[in-house]
Structures are given as C-alpha cells and as structure tokens.
Amino acid sequence: MSSTPPADDTLDLHLPEDFLALFGNAGPVGTDHAGTDHAGTGAAPAGQDLLDRVADWGPAPTPAGVFHLVPVRVERDVPLVARWMNDPAVAAYWELTGPQSVTEDHVRAQLTGDGRSVPCVGVLDGVPMSYWEIYRADLDPLARYCPVRPHDTGIHLLIGADADRGQGIGTTLIRTVTGLVLDGRPACTRVLAEPDVRNTPSVAAFLGAGFRFAAEVDLPAKRAALLVRERTAPESP
C-alpha cells in the first residue's frame, strides 16, 4: 500500500465528469511518461492554456546560462525530442521509444487538449537541451492518488544530452523553472513532481532544488516519489 502525505491544508480532488466538462468537449487524450494521462479534453483557444500563459514567462538567468521555456512546435521540435526519447537513459522512465510518430502523438495530445499540460523545450543560451511538461496537477489523474490543492502545478522533465547530465544542471534548471511557475502563476502555492522512485538522479535533483519528499505513491505504471516545493519554502543555496 502506498503512503500519502498528511492531509493538512490539502484538497483530495477527484475530478467529477461535470467539472471536467467545464473545460471543453471530449477530444484526444495523451499518455504521460510511465502512463499518466494528462492531456485533458477539448482544445484550448490558440495561444491560451490553463497555466497562465507559459509562453509569456520569459527567459531567466541561471548560473549555467540564460534559460527559456519554449512551448513545443511539432514540426520544429518533435524530431529532436523523439531522438531524446530513444536514448536508453530516458526511455527507461518515459516509455516513449519507437518512431517519431510515438513522440508526436504524445505531444499533439497535449497541444490539442484543453491547456492543462504544456509541452516545452528548454533552451539554454540558445541551444535546445531539455524537454519539459508543465501541467495542472489539480486537474490531472495524479489527484486520484494523492491529495492536491487547487492550482498545484506539476513538472516533468528530461535532459537531452548525456553531457548535460550529472553536472548539477538539472538541479539548477529545476530551481529556475520552479521559480518561473511560482512567479507566473500567483494562485499556485505548490509545485509538484512525481519521478519514478528508481530514478535516483531525478529525485536527487529535485531535492537539491528545494523540494521535499512527501510520500511514495503507486501510480498506474510506476511507484513514484511525490516531491513538493512550497511557495514559502526557502531557496536552496
């Protein structure tokens, strides 16, 4: 049995069908890495999302260079992201190996959804080097497995090149993106992550970026470490 974090000041949100209907008509549904469906239903109006316009969050200076979250464009970005997905170190946790169409279907499901999940390429000093999904955890099936608060925002990521892994860049960028989320989403009080518990480098990177371990949670295709960064948490040095 999985443990869950204390229920203090949280909302255990199970998404009723009538609530989901407020966000659009039925449409394509995608599958998150390791089987978490979060694409949503219906199509968001062009340029809009349920995450306070990720595209407008702007670049951020980091010790590694200037970083920018750039929402994915299929024709421009999917070939590169698909190549990353077929790297064995990535494939072990994302489970999106295969032809480019596998990644394209995964990305399009989010782009044609209701805007609750925004796929992005992370660009560092002008070079695409990582893939991110910023998503509404309170509107995600994750909320069926652990307590969430309204406007909780989740992060999925992968670092594309082997040379960029294990150098502390992941921790730096997680801290940066967390800051962008909290600055760009005033209603959000927590940022969540749920990496596979076996993915110790990812767990360590989030902990190094100021997240705390809350629980182990059994999700449909993995046992996840639920990691939480409170808006009021002190920044890691």
C-alpha atoms as a PDB file:
ATOM      1  CA  MET A   1       0.000   0.000   0.000  1.00  0.00           C
ATOM      2  CA  SER A   2       1.310   3.446  -0.864  1.00  0.00           C
ATOM      3  CA  SER A   3       1.610   6.097   1.779  1.00  0.00           C
ATOM      4  CA  THR A   4       0.165   9.571   1.314  1.00  0.00           C
ATOM      5  CA  PRO A   5       1.263  12.919   2.686  1.00  0.00           C
ATOM      6  CA  PRO A   6      -0.605  14.473   5.593  1.00  0.00           C
ATOM      7  CA  ALA A   7      -3.937  15.910   4.558  1.00  0.00           C
ATOM      8  CA  ASP A   8      -3.410  19.213   6.347  1.00  0.00           C
ATOM      9  CA  ASP A   9      -4.489  22.138   4.177  1.00  0.00           C
ATOM     10  CA  THR A  10      -4.868  19.972   1.096  1.00  0.00           C
ATOM     11  CA  LEU A  11      -7.733  19.004  -1.115  1.00  0.00           C
ATOM     12  CA  ASP A  12      -8.095  15.374  -2.167  1.00  0.00           C
ATOM     13  CA  LEU A  13      -9.539  16.249  -5.560  1.00  0.00           C
ATOM     14  CA  HIS A  14     -11.289  13.562  -7.576  1.00  0.00           C
ATOM     15  CA  LEU A  15     -12.324  15.149 -10.834  1.00  0.00           C
ATOM     16  CA  PRO A  16     -16.076  14.714 -11.452  1.00  0.00           C
ATOM     17  CA  GLU A  17     -17.259  14.491 -15.032  1.00  0.00           C
ATOM     18  CA  ASP A  18     -19.395  17.622 -14.731  1.00  0.00           C
ATOM     19  CA  PHE A  19     -16.340  19.560 -13.536  1.00  0.00           C
ATOM     20  CA  LEU A  20     -14.211  18.309 -16.433  1.00  0.00           C
ATOM     21  CA  ALA A  21     -16.980  19.249 -18.847  1.00  0.00           C
ATOM     22  CA  LEU A  22     -16.447  22.896 -17.962  1.00  0.00           C
ATOM     23  CA  PHE A  23     -13.090  22.795 -19.754  1.00  0.00           C
ATOM     24  CA  GLY A  24     -14.218  21.546 -23.129  1.00  0.00           C
ATOM     25  CA  ASN A  25     -15.721  18.758 -25.128  1.00  0.00           C
ATOM     26  CA  ALA A  26     -14.189  15.315 -25.418  1.00  0.00           C
ATOM     27  CA  GLY A  27     -11.057  15.192 -27.550  1.00  0.00           C
ATOM     28  CA  PRO A  28      -7.730  13.437 -27.953  1.00  0.00           C
ATOM     29  CA  VAL A  29      -6.141  12.062 -24.810  1.00  0.00           C
ATOM     30  CA  GLY A  30      -2.397  11.563 -24.443  1.00  0.00           C
ATOM     31  CA  THR A  31      -0.288   9.445 -22.139  1.00  0.00           C
ATOM     32  CA  ASP A  32       2.283  10.922 -19.819  1.00  0.00           C
ATOM     33  CA  HIS A  33       5.603   9.223 -19.264  1.00  0.00           C
ATOM     34  CA  ALA A  34       5.050   5.938 -17.418  1.00  0.00           C
ATOM     35  CA  GLY A  35       1.388   6.003 -18.229  1.00  0.00           C
ATOM     36  CA  THR A  36      -0.151   9.091 -16.584  1.00  0.00           C
ATOM     37  CA  ASP A  37      -2.781  10.580 -18.882  1.00  0.00           C
ATOM     38  CA  HIS A  38      -2.889  14.349 -18.563  1.00  0.00           C
ATOM     39  CA  ALA A  39      -3.746  15.795 -21.948  1.00  0.00           C
ATOM     40  CA  GLY A  40      -7.273  16.754 -20.991  1.00  0.00           C
ATOM     41  CA  THR A  41     -10.341  17.168 -23.146  1.00  0.00           C
ATOM     42  CA  GLY A  42     -11.223  19.663 -25.816  1.00  0.00           C
ATOM     43  CA  ALA A  43      -8.917  22.164 -27.485  1.00  0.00           C
ATOM     44  CA  ALA A  44      -7.658  25.333 -25.836  1.00  0.00           C
ATOM     45  CA  PRO A  45      -8.083  28.571 -27.791  1.00  0.00           C
ATOM     46  CA  ALA A  46      -4.948  29.426 -29.757  1.00  0.00           C
ATOM     47  CA  GLY A  47      -2.244  30.874 -27.544  1.00  0.00           C
ATOM     48  CA  GLN A  48      -4.097  30.096 -24.312  1.00  0.00           C
ATOM     49  CA  ASP A  49      -3.688  27.469 -21.611  1.00  0.00           C
ATOM     50  CA  LEU A  50      -4.816  26.777 -18.056  1.00  0.00           C
ATOM     51  CA  LEU A  51      -1.344  27.643 -16.753  1.00  0.00           C
ATOM     52  CA  ASP A  52      -1.334  31.449 -17.096  1.00  0.00           C
ATOM     53  CA  ARG A  53       0.383  31.514 -20.469  1.00  0.00           C
ATOM     54  CA  VAL A  54       3.615  29.586 -20.129  1.00  0.00           C
ATOM     55  CA  ALA A  55       4.763  31.133 -23.407  1.00  0.00           C
ATOM     56  CA  ASP A  56       4.902  34.549 -21.716  1.00  0.00           C
ATOM     57  CA  TRP A  57       7.018  33.548 -18.731  1.00  0.00           C
ATOM     58  CA  GLY A  58      10.118  34.755 -20.485  1.00  0.00           C
ATOM     59  CA  PRO A  59      13.820  33.881 -20.185  1.00  0.00           C
ATOM     60  CA  ALA A  60      15.562  33.521 -16.841  1.00  0.00           C
ATOM     61  CA  PRO A  61      19.250  33.930 -15.977  1.00  0.00           C
ATOM     62  CA  THR A  62      20.877  30.905 -14.337  1.00  0.00           C
ATOM     63  CA  PRO A  63      24.459  30.043 -13.320  1.00  0.00           C
ATOM     64  CA  ALA A  64      24.535  27.799 -16.411  1.00  0.00           C
ATOM     65  CA  GLY A  65      23.318  30.483 -18.834  1.00  0.00           C
ATOM     66  CA  VAL A  66      20.080  32.116 -19.936  1.00  0.00           C
ATOM     67  CA  PHE A  67      17.245  29.606 -19.869  1.00  0.00           C
ATOM     68  CA  HIS A  68      13.922  29.825 -21.698  1.00  0.00           C
ATOM     69  CA  LEU A  69      10.901  27.517 -21.691  1.00  0.00           C
ATOM     70  CA  VAL A  70       9.642  27.492 -25.272  1.00  0.00           C
ATOM     71  CA  PRO A  71       6.302  25.777 -25.962  1.00  0.00           C
ATOM     72  CA  VAL A  72       6.749  22.939 -28.432  1.00  0.00           C
ATOM     73  CA  ARG A  73       6.006  23.336 -32.120  1.00  0.00           C
ATOM     74  CA  VAL A  74       5.554  19.914 -33.658  1.00  0.00           C
ATOM     75  CA  GLU A  75       7.404  20.424 -36.947  1.00  0.00           C
ATOM     76  CA  ARG A  76      10.304  22.252 -35.345  1.00  0.00           C
ATOM     77  CA  ASP A  77      10.789  20.313 -32.119  1.00  0.00           C
ATOM     78  CA  VAL A  78       9.422  16.772 -32.314  1.00  0.00           C
ATOM     79  CA  PRO A  79      12.334  15.274 -34.303  1.00  0.00           C
ATOM     80  CA  LEU A  80      14.778  16.335 -31.578  1.00  0.00           C
ATOM     81  CA  VAL A  81      12.516  15.329 -28.690  1.00  0.00           C
ATOM     82  CA  ALA A  82      11.890  11.936 -30.334  1.00  0.00           C
ATOM     83  CA  ARG A  83      15.638  11.372 -30.544  1.00  0.00           C
ATOM     84  CA  TRP A  84      15.947  12.126 -26.840  1.00  0.00           C
ATOM     85  CA  MET A  85      13.079   9.729 -26.070  1.00  0.00           C
ATOM     86  CA  ASN A  86      15.039   6.905 -27.711  1.00  0.00           C
ATOM     87  CA  ASP A  87      18.081   7.430 -25.508  1.00  0.00           C
ATOM     88  CA  PRO A  88      18.123   4.368 -23.214  1.00  0.00           C
ATOM     89  CA  ALA A  89      18.644   6.539 -20.118  1.00  0.00           C
ATOM     90  CA  VAL A  90      15.479   8.469 -20.960  1.00  0.00           C
ATOM     91  CA  ALA A  91      13.467   5.564 -22.342  1.00  0.00           C
ATOM     92  CA  ALA A  92      13.679   3.662 -19.069  1.00  0.00           C
ATOM     93  CA  TYR A  93      11.341   6.190 -17.442  1.00  0.00           C
ATOM     94  CA  TRP A  94       9.410   7.922 -20.227  1.00  0.00           C
ATOM     95  CA  GLU A  95       8.468   4.796 -22.216  1.00  0.00           C
ATOM     96  CA  LEU A  96       8.088   6.696 -25.494  1.00  0.00           C
ATOM     97  CA  THR A  97      10.610   4.821 -27.600  1.00  0.00           C
ATOM     98  CA  GLY A  98       9.973   3.992 -31.228  1.00  0.00           C
ATOM     99  CA  PRO A  99       9.373   6.008 -34.380  1.00  0.00           C
ATOM    100  CA  GLN A 100       8.983   9.748 -34.306  1.00  0.00           C
ATOM    101  CA  SER A 101       5.213   9.333 -34.543  1.00  0.00           C
ATOM    102  CA  VAL A 102       5.132   7.981 -30.955  1.00  0.00           C
ATOM    103  CA  THR A 103       6.522  11.232 -29.573  1.00  0.00           C
ATOM    104  CA  GLU A 104       4.440  13.287 -31.984  1.00  0.00           C
ATOM    105  CA  ASP A 105       1.220  11.636 -30.806  1.00  0.00           C
ATOM    106  CA  HIS A 106       2.215  12.246 -27.176  1.00  0.00           C
ATOM    107  CA  VAL A 107       2.917  15.935 -27.820  1.00  0.00           C
ATOM    108  CA  ARG A 108      -0.093  16.562 -30.061  1.00  0.00           C
ATOM    109  CA  ALA A 109      -2.427  15.134 -27.420  1.00  0.00           C
ATOM    110  CA  GLN A 110      -1.327  17.951 -25.120  1.00  0.00           C
ATOM    111  CA  LEU A 111      -1.343  20.642 -27.793  1.00  0.00           C
ATOM    112  CA  THR A 112      -4.897  19.757 -28.839  1.00  0.00           C
ATOM    113  CA  GLY A 113      -6.101  19.343 -25.261  1.00  0.00           C
ATOM    114  CA  ASP A 114      -7.654  21.955 -23.010  1.00  0.00           C
ATOM    115  CA  GLY A 115      -4.377  23.575 -21.974  1.00  0.00           C
ATOM    116  CA  ARG A 116      -3.886  21.771 -18.672  1.00  0.00           C
ATOM    117  CA  SER A 117      -0.479  20.481 -19.847  1.00  0.00           C
ATOM    118  CA  VAL A 118       2.019  22.494 -21.890  1.00  0.00           C
ATOM    119  CA  PRO A 119       4.968  20.666 -23.501  1.00  0.00           C
ATOM    120  CA  CYS A 120       8.079  22.825 -23.798  1.00  0.00           C
ATOM    121  CA  VAL A 121      11.652  22.658 -24.996  1.00  0.00           C
ATOM    122  CA  GLY A 122      14.196  24.037 -22.556  1.00  0.00           C
ATOM    123  CA  VAL A 123      16.624  26.310 -24.373  1.00  0.00           C
ATOM    124  CA  LEU A 124      19.901  27.182 -22.625  1.00  0.00           C
ATOM    125  CA  ASP A 125      21.917  30.009 -24.173  1.00  0.00           C
ATOM    126  CA  GLY A 126      20.040  29.469 -27.410  1.00  0.00           C
ATOM    127  CA  VAL A 127      20.564  25.697 -27.543  1.00  0.00           C
ATOM    128  CA  PRO A 128      17.618  23.272 -27.127  1.00  0.00           C
ATOM    129  CA  MET A 129      18.767  20.841 -24.429  1.00  0.00           C
ATOM    130  CA  SER A 130      15.791  19.565 -22.419  1.00  0.00           C
ATOM    131  CA  TYR A 131      12.107  18.713 -22.625  1.00  0.00           C
ATOM    132  CA  TRP A 132       9.531  19.821 -20.029  1.00  0.00           C
ATOM    133  CA  GLU A 133       5.856  19.333 -19.368  1.00  0.00           C
ATOM    134  CA  ILE A 134       4.229  21.912 -17.115  1.00  0.00           C
ATOM    135  CA  TYR A 135       0.821  20.664 -16.020  1.00  0.00           C
ATOM    136  CA  ARG A 136      -2.076  21.398 -13.697  1.00  0.00           C
ATOM    137  CA  ALA A 137      -1.672  18.706 -11.044  1.00  0.00           C
ATOM    138  CA  ASP A 138      -5.078  19.576  -9.594  1.00  0.00           C
ATOM    139  CA  LEU A 139      -6.711  18.723 -12.943  1.00  0.00           C
ATOM    140  CA  ASP A 140      -4.532  15.661 -13.544  1.00  0.00           C
ATOM    141  CA  PRO A 141      -5.263  11.994 -12.767  1.00  0.00           C
ATOM    142  CA  LEU A 142      -2.440  12.343 -10.221  1.00  0.00           C
ATOM    143  CA  ALA A 143      -5.119  13.865  -7.974  1.00  0.00           C
ATOM    144  CA  ARG A 144      -6.780  10.445  -7.777  1.00  0.00           C
ATOM    145  CA  TYR A 145      -3.756   9.038  -5.974  1.00  0.00           C
ATOM    146  CA  CYS A 146      -2.638  11.773  -3.586  1.00  0.00           C
ATOM    147  CA  PRO A 147      -4.001  14.954  -2.001  1.00  0.00           C
ATOM    148  CA  VAL A 148      -3.644  18.096  -4.080  1.00  0.00           C
ATOM    149  CA  ARG A 149      -4.515  21.752  -3.668  1.00  0.00           C
ATOM    150  CA  PRO A 150      -6.233  23.952  -6.221  1.00  0.00           C
ATOM    151  CA  HIS A 151      -3.726  25.268  -8.769  1.00  0.00           C
ATOM    152  CA  ASP A 152      -0.950  22.844  -7.752  1.00  0.00           C
ATOM    153  CA  THR A 153       1.385  22.730 -10.741  1.00  0.00           C
ATOM    154  CA  GLY A 154       3.436  19.712 -11.787  1.00  0.00           C
ATOM    155  CA  ILE A 155       6.713  19.346 -13.648  1.00  0.00           C
ATOM    156  CA  HIS A 156       8.033  16.538 -15.840  1.00  0.00           C
ATOM    157  CA  LEU A 157      11.420  16.885 -17.496  1.00  0.00           C
ATOM    158  CA  LEU A 158      14.264  15.165 -19.247  1.00  0.00           C
ATOM    159  CA  ILE A 159      17.770  16.397 -20.003  1.00  0.00           C
ATOM    160  CA  GLY A 160      18.505  15.594 -23.621  1.00  0.00           C
ATOM    161  CA  ALA A 161      22.261  15.199 -23.872  1.00  0.00           C
ATOM    162  CA  ASP A 162      24.288  12.819 -21.765  1.00  0.00           C
ATOM    163  CA  ALA A 163      26.959  15.519 -21.383  1.00  0.00           C
ATOM    164  CA  ASP A 164      24.437  17.728 -19.549  1.00  0.00           C
ATOM    165  CA  ARG A 165      23.507  15.063 -17.006  1.00  0.00           C
ATOM    166  CA  GLY A 166      25.212  14.666 -13.669  1.00  0.00           C
ATOM    167  CA  GLN A 167      26.713  18.157 -13.796  1.00  0.00           C
ATOM    168  CA  GLY A 168      24.220  19.854 -11.494  1.00  0.00           C
ATOM    169  CA  ILE A 169      22.432  21.413 -14.465  1.00  0.00           C
ATOM    170  CA  GLY A 170      19.239  19.507 -13.696  1.00  0.00           C
ATOM    171  CA  THR A 171      19.074  20.940 -10.190  1.00  0.00           C
ATOM    172  CA  THR A 172      19.798  24.439 -11.481  1.00  0.00           C
ATOM    173  CA  LEU A 173      17.094  24.262 -14.123  1.00  0.00           C
ATOM    174  CA  ILE A 174      14.502  22.707 -11.811  1.00  0.00           C
ATOM    175  CA  ARG A 175      15.051  25.557  -9.367  1.00  0.00           C
ATOM    176  CA  THR A 176      14.733  28.038 -12.239  1.00  0.00           C
ATOM    177  CA  VAL A 177      11.581  26.525 -13.697  1.00  0.00           C
ATOM    178  CA  THR A 178      10.014  26.284 -10.240  1.00  0.00           C
ATOM    179  CA  GLY A 179      10.642  29.994  -9.848  1.00  0.00           C
ATOM    180  CA  LEU A 180       9.053  30.672 -13.235  1.00  0.00           C
ATOM    181  CA  VAL A 181       5.984  28.657 -12.227  1.00  0.00           C
ATOM    182  CA  LEU A 182       5.551  30.476  -8.922  1.00  0.00           C
ATOM    183  CA  ASP A 183       6.170  33.885 -10.476  1.00  0.00           C
ATOM    184  CA  GLY A 184       3.912  33.207 -13.451  1.00  0.00           C
ATOM    185  CA  ARG A 185       1.067  31.577 -11.512  1.00  0.00           C
ATOM    186  CA  PRO A 186       0.145  33.704  -8.474  1.00  0.00           C
ATOM    187  CA  ALA A 187      -2.645  31.294  -7.490  1.00  0.00           C
ATOM    188  CA  CYS A 188      -0.218  28.366  -7.313  1.00  0.00           C
ATOM    189  CA  THR A 189       1.085  27.634  -3.810  1.00  0.00           C
ATOM    190  CA  ARG A 190       2.949  24.395  -4.555  1.00  0.00           C
ATOM    191  CA  VAL A 191       4.941  22.813  -7.357  1.00  0.00           C
ATOM    192  CA  LEU A 192       4.845  19.008  -7.501  1.00  0.00           C
ATOM    193  CA  ALA A 193       6.956  16.312  -9.123  1.00  0.00           C
ATOM    194  CA  GLU A 194       6.441  12.547  -9.206  1.00  0.00           C
ATOM    195  CA  PRO A 195       9.527  10.833 -10.642  1.00  0.00           C
ATOM    196  CA  ASP A 196       9.885   7.080 -10.516  1.00  0.00           C
ATOM    197  CA  VAL A 197      11.417   6.141  -7.170  1.00  0.00           C
ATOM    198  CA  ARG A 198      14.086   4.172  -9.078  1.00  0.00           C
ATOM    199  CA  ASN A 199      15.215   7.319 -10.847  1.00  0.00           C
ATOM    200  CA  THR A 200      17.517   8.408  -8.056  1.00  0.00           C
ATOM    201  CA  PRO A 201      19.323  11.119 -10.081  1.00  0.00           C
ATOM    202  CA  SER A 202      15.993  12.816 -10.799  1.00  0.00           C
ATOM    203  CA  VAL A 203      14.840  12.559  -7.187  1.00  0.00           C
ATOM    204  CA  ALA A 204      18.159  13.967  -6.004  1.00  0.00           C
ATOM    205  CA  ALA A 205      17.954  16.858  -8.473  1.00  0.00           C
ATOM    206  CA  PHE A 206      14.516  17.876  -7.203  1.00  0.00           C
ATOM    207  CA  LEU A 207      15.589  17.609  -3.580  1.00  0.00           C
ATOM    208  CA  GLY A 208      18.626  19.740  -4.378  1.00  0.00           C
ATOM    209  CA  ALA A 209      16.318  22.342  -5.910  1.00  0.00           C
ATOM    210  CA  GLY A 210      14.370  22.793  -2.675  1.00  0.00           C
ATOM    211  CA  PHE A 211      11.667  20.146  -2.998  1.00  0.00           C
ATOM    212  CA  ARG A 212      10.822  17.918  -0.037  1.00  0.00           C
ATOM    213  CA  PHE A 213       9.900  14.264  -0.113  1.00  0.00           C
ATOM    214  CA  ALA A 214       6.208  13.871   0.793  1.00  0.00           C
ATOM    215  CA  ALA A 215       5.347  10.221   0.082  1.00  0.00           C
ATOM    216  CA  GLU A 216       5.707   7.226  -2.165  1.00  0.00           C
ATOM    217  CA  VAL A 217       2.629   6.849  -4.344  1.00  0.00           C
ATOM    218  CA  ASP A 218       1.548   3.932  -6.504  1.00  0.00           C
ATOM    219  CA  LEU A 219       0.578   5.310  -9.926  1.00  0.00           C
ATOM    220  CA  PRO A 220      -0.739   3.119 -12.754  1.00  0.00           C
ATOM    221  CA  ALA A 221       2.680   2.366 -14.272  1.00  0.00           C
ATOM    222  CA  LYS A 222       5.193   3.264 -11.592  1.00  0.00           C
ATOM    223  CA  ARG A 223       5.866   3.786  -7.915  1.00  0.00           C
ATOM    224  CA  ALA A 224       6.548   7.483  -7.657  1.00  0.00           C
ATOM    225  CA  ALA A 225       8.290   9.732  -5.193  1.00  0.00           C
ATOM    226  CA  LEU A 226       5.910  12.616  -4.551  1.00  0.00           C
ATOM    227  CA  LEU A 227       8.068  15.721  -4.179  1.00  0.00           C
ATOM    228  CA  VAL A 228       6.711  19.107  -3.136  1.00  0.00           C
ATOM    229  CA  ARG A 229       8.067  22.635  -3.285  1.00  0.00           C
ATOM    230  CA  GLU A 230       6.032  25.100  -1.225  1.00  0.00           C
ATOM    231  CA  ARG A 231       5.861  28.724  -2.324  1.00  0.00           C
ATOM    232  CA  THR A 232       7.106  29.693   1.146  1.00  0.00           C
ATOM    233  CA  ALA A 233       9.996  27.208   1.168  1.00  0.00           C
ATOM    234  CA  PRO A 234      13.459  28.767   1.497  1.00  0.00           C
ATOM    235  CA  GLU A 235      15.601  28.680  -1.589  1.00  0.00           C
ATOM    236  CA  SER A 236      18.379  26.096  -1.655  1.00  0.00           C
ATOM    237  CA  PRO A 237      21.851  27.616  -1.617  1.00  0.00           C
END
